[in-house]
Each structure stands twice: as structure tokens, then as C-alpha cells.
């Protein structure tokens, strides 16, 4: 049963690590700091599975503030958050480009 109104497909599940606040994404094996390894729900079954992972995250002690995020997937398979706030979270601090994924050259395909 769906949780209610959800963002349009395709979707990923994002949260913050409970211990250090790092932005993390739901993968097949748990949580990862790498956007590119996120599970992308492209159909109803995938969306329901992510909703179940969201519910489980609320009961767990690994992450906080889990939310479903609408994304785009380009021809090369790279994931890009659709919402401005999610793009900022994927890149890292806007005032310190020497920190976060942007400092490591990750998610360079995500533009603000």
C-alpha cells in the first residue's frame, strides 16, 4: 500500500547518516554516500519497495530524515536529482566547494 502522495517516477531514497549527518542514498545493500549507486525506482513495484525501505529507516538507527526524491537518469545511466534542494545535497556545501562530493569530483554531471 503506498504511503500517500509521492513524487513522480523515477525515484530514489535519500537520508542523512545518523552519526555524522552525511547525505546517503539507499542501495541494494544498504546506504551509500554515492549518488550513482542509489536504487532507482522506475515503476510502481520499485516505488513500493523504496517506500518500505523508508518506513524501515524510520524504525532503524542508521539514518534520519529519509525522503523519496524524484530524479532523472541520462543516456549514460547517471542519476540527477530533479529538485533544486536535492541537487544541492548531492553536491555538498554551496559555500565550501572544497568539501563534500564536489571536492572529490563526484556528481559533476549534477548542475545547479
C-alpha atoms as a PDB file:
ATOM      1  CA  UNK A   1       0.000   0.000   0.000  1.00  0.00           C
ATOM      2  CA  UNK A   2       1.517   3.384  -0.988  1.00  0.00           C
ATOM      3  CA  UNK A   3       2.275   5.905   1.748  1.00  0.00           C
ATOM      4  CA  UNK A   4       0.143   8.523   0.020  1.00  0.00           C
ATOM      5  CA  UNK A   5       1.082  11.189  -2.471  1.00  0.00           C
ATOM      6  CA  UNK A   6       4.609  10.624  -3.674  1.00  0.00           C
ATOM      7  CA  UNK A   7       6.873  12.421  -6.137  1.00  0.00           C
ATOM      8  CA  UNK A   8       6.741  11.287  -9.760  1.00  0.00           C
ATOM      9  CA  UNK A   9       8.832   8.386 -11.022  1.00  0.00           C
ATOM     10  CA  UNK A  10      11.728   7.733 -11.305  1.00  0.00           C
ATOM     11  CA  UNK A  11      12.618   7.983  -7.601  1.00  0.00           C
ATOM     12  CA  UNK A  12      15.480   7.352  -5.195  1.00  0.00           C
ATOM     13  CA  UNK A  13      15.547   7.301  -1.395  1.00  0.00           C
ATOM     14  CA  UNK A  14      17.824   9.804   0.333  1.00  0.00           C
ATOM     15  CA  UNK A  15      18.541  10.430   4.014  1.00  0.00           C
ATOM     16  CA  UNK A  16      21.198  11.681   6.412  1.00  0.00           C
ATOM     17  CA  UNK A  17      23.553   9.379   8.284  1.00  0.00           C
ATOM     18  CA  UNK A  18      22.540   9.442  11.931  1.00  0.00           C
ATOM     19  CA  UNK A  19      26.085   9.718  13.282  1.00  0.00           C
ATOM     20  CA  UNK A  20      27.702  12.347  11.042  1.00  0.00           C
ATOM     21  CA  UNK A  21      24.862  13.881   9.001  1.00  0.00           C
ATOM     22  CA  UNK A  22      26.327  12.878   5.640  1.00  0.00           C
ATOM     23  CA  UNK A  23      23.814  12.644   2.786  1.00  0.00           C
ATOM     24  CA  UNK A  24      23.281   8.983   1.919  1.00  0.00           C
ATOM     25  CA  UNK A  25      21.285   7.094  -0.697  1.00  0.00           C
ATOM     26  CA  UNK A  26      19.517   3.734  -0.493  1.00  0.00           C
ATOM     27  CA  UNK A  27      21.301   0.985  -2.434  1.00  0.00           C
ATOM     28  CA  UNK A  28      20.655  -2.728  -2.896  1.00  0.00           C
ATOM     29  CA  UNK A  29      22.888  -3.430   0.109  1.00  0.00           C
ATOM     30  CA  UNK A  30      22.017  -0.589   2.484  1.00  0.00           C
ATOM     31  CA  UNK A  31      23.124   3.049   2.439  1.00  0.00           C
ATOM     32  CA  UNK A  32      25.891   4.751   0.460  1.00  0.00           C
ATOM     33  CA  UNK A  33      27.291   8.273   0.142  1.00  0.00           C
ATOM     34  CA  UNK A  34      27.481   7.776  -3.633  1.00  0.00           C
ATOM     35  CA  UNK A  35      24.514   9.046  -5.639  1.00  0.00           C
ATOM     36  CA  UNK A  36      25.442   6.820  -8.555  1.00  0.00           C
ATOM     37  CA  UNK A  37      24.892   3.666  -6.516  1.00  0.00           C
ATOM     38  CA  UNK A  38      21.330   4.558  -5.488  1.00  0.00           C
ATOM     39  CA  UNK A  39      18.498   2.193  -6.364  1.00  0.00           C
ATOM     40  CA  UNK A  40      16.246   3.926  -8.895  1.00  0.00           C
ATOM     41  CA  UNK A  41      12.553   3.064  -8.816  1.00  0.00           C
ATOM     42  CA  UNK A  42      11.197   3.334 -12.343  1.00  0.00           C
ATOM     43  CA  UNK A  43       7.872   1.570 -11.825  1.00  0.00           C
ATOM     44  CA  UNK A  44       5.209   1.070  -9.172  1.00  0.00           C
ATOM     45  CA  UNK A  45       6.841  -2.046  -7.729  1.00  0.00           C
ATOM     46  CA  UNK A  46      10.158  -0.231  -7.325  1.00  0.00           C
ATOM     47  CA  UNK A  47       8.443   2.754  -5.723  1.00  0.00           C
ATOM     48  CA  UNK A  48       6.665   0.491  -3.232  1.00  0.00           C
ATOM     49  CA  UNK A  49       9.973  -1.171  -2.356  1.00  0.00           C
ATOM     50  CA  UNK A  50      11.545   2.237  -1.680  1.00  0.00           C
ATOM     51  CA  UNK A  51       8.541   3.216   0.435  1.00  0.00           C
ATOM     52  CA  UNK A  52       9.064   0.077   2.517  1.00  0.00           C
ATOM     53  CA  UNK A  53      12.746   0.979   2.917  1.00  0.00           C
ATOM     54  CA  UNK A  54      11.662   4.467   4.005  1.00  0.00           C
ATOM     55  CA  UNK A  55       9.352   3.014   6.653  1.00  0.00           C
ATOM     56  CA  UNK A  56      12.095   0.661   7.848  1.00  0.00           C
ATOM     57  CA  UNK A  57      14.545   3.575   8.082  1.00  0.00           C
ATOM     58  CA  UNK A  58      12.150   5.369  10.436  1.00  0.00           C
ATOM     59  CA  UNK A  59      12.327   2.388  12.793  1.00  0.00           C
ATOM     60  CA  UNK A  60      16.073   1.881  12.456  1.00  0.00           C
ATOM     61  CA  UNK A  61      19.009   3.678  13.972  1.00  0.00           C
ATOM     62  CA  UNK A  62      21.155   4.294  10.881  1.00  0.00           C
ATOM     63  CA  UNK A  63      19.618   7.327   9.185  1.00  0.00           C
ATOM     64  CA  UNK A  64      17.268  10.237   9.757  1.00  0.00           C
ATOM     65  CA  UNK A  65      15.073  12.397   7.527  1.00  0.00           C
ATOM     66  CA  UNK A  66      14.626   9.794   4.788  1.00  0.00           C
ATOM     67  CA  UNK A  67      12.660  11.029   1.785  1.00  0.00           C
ATOM     68  CA  UNK A  68      11.781   9.946  -1.711  1.00  0.00           C
ATOM     69  CA  UNK A  69      13.484  12.138  -4.312  1.00  0.00           C
ATOM     70  CA  UNK A  70      12.430  12.474  -7.973  1.00  0.00           C
ATOM     71  CA  UNK A  71      15.375  12.039 -10.339  1.00  0.00           C
ATOM     72  CA  UNK A  72      16.311  11.904 -13.974  1.00  0.00           C
ATOM     73  CA  UNK A  73      18.530   9.235 -15.475  1.00  0.00           C
ATOM     74  CA  UNK A  74      20.522  10.346 -18.511  1.00  0.00           C
ATOM     75  CA  UNK A  75      21.531   8.244 -21.513  1.00  0.00           C
ATOM     76  CA  UNK A  76      24.728   7.203 -19.715  1.00  0.00           C
ATOM     77  CA  UNK A  77      22.777   5.991 -16.663  1.00  0.00           C
ATOM     78  CA  UNK A  78      23.843   8.867 -14.409  1.00  0.00           C
ATOM     79  CA  UNK A  79      21.338   9.898 -11.762  1.00  0.00           C
ATOM     80  CA  UNK A  80      20.450  13.567 -11.363  1.00  0.00           C
ATOM     81  CA  UNK A  81      18.073  14.858  -8.691  1.00  0.00           C
ATOM     82  CA  UNK A  82      15.178  16.817 -10.205  1.00  0.00           C
ATOM     83  CA  UNK A  83      14.575  19.156  -7.272  1.00  0.00           C
ATOM     84  CA  UNK A  84      16.942  22.063  -6.587  1.00  0.00           C
ATOM     85  CA  UNK A  85      17.331  21.191  -2.887  1.00  0.00           C
ATOM     86  CA  UNK A  86      18.253  17.588  -3.698  1.00  0.00           C
ATOM     87  CA  UNK A  87      20.839  18.765  -6.256  1.00  0.00           C
ATOM     88  CA  UNK A  88      22.494  20.930  -3.591  1.00  0.00           C
ATOM     89  CA  UNK A  89      22.524  17.971  -1.178  1.00  0.00           C
ATOM     90  CA  UNK A  90      24.144  15.802  -3.883  1.00  0.00           C
ATOM     91  CA  UNK A  91      26.929  18.323  -4.495  1.00  0.00           C
ATOM     92  CA  UNK A  92      27.772  19.377  -0.954  1.00  0.00           C
ATOM     93  CA  UNK A  93      28.071  22.766   0.726  1.00  0.00           C
ATOM     94  CA  UNK A  94      27.489  25.689  -1.651  1.00  0.00           C
ATOM     95  CA  UNK A  95      29.858  27.953   0.274  1.00  0.00           C
ATOM     96  CA  UNK A  96      32.692  25.406   0.566  1.00  0.00           C
ATOM     97  CA  UNK A  97      33.330  23.740  -2.779  1.00  0.00           C
ATOM     98  CA  UNK A  98      36.427  22.154  -1.235  1.00  0.00           C
ATOM     99  CA  UNK A  99      34.164  19.863   0.826  1.00  0.00           C
ATOM    100  CA  UNK A 100      31.742  17.076   0.001  1.00  0.00           C
ATOM    101  CA  UNK A 101      31.279  15.144  -3.227  1.00  0.00           C
ATOM    102  CA  UNK A 102      32.027  18.212  -5.348  1.00  0.00           C
ATOM    103  CA  UNK A 103      35.552  18.423  -3.913  1.00  0.00           C
ATOM    104  CA  UNK A 104      36.132  14.812  -4.952  1.00  0.00           C
ATOM    105  CA  UNK A 105      34.760  15.396  -8.443  1.00  0.00           C
ATOM    106  CA  UNK A 106      31.713  13.222  -7.810  1.00  0.00           C
ATOM    107  CA  UNK A 107      28.341  14.139  -9.252  1.00  0.00           C
ATOM    108  CA  UNK A 108      29.920  16.688 -11.611  1.00  0.00           C
ATOM    109  CA  UNK A 109      27.050  15.984 -14.021  1.00  0.00           C
ATOM    110  CA  UNK A 110      24.609  17.473 -11.473  1.00  0.00           C
ATOM    111  CA  UNK A 111      24.177  21.167 -12.151  1.00  0.00           C
ATOM    112  CA  UNK A 112      22.590  23.878 -10.069  1.00  0.00           C
END
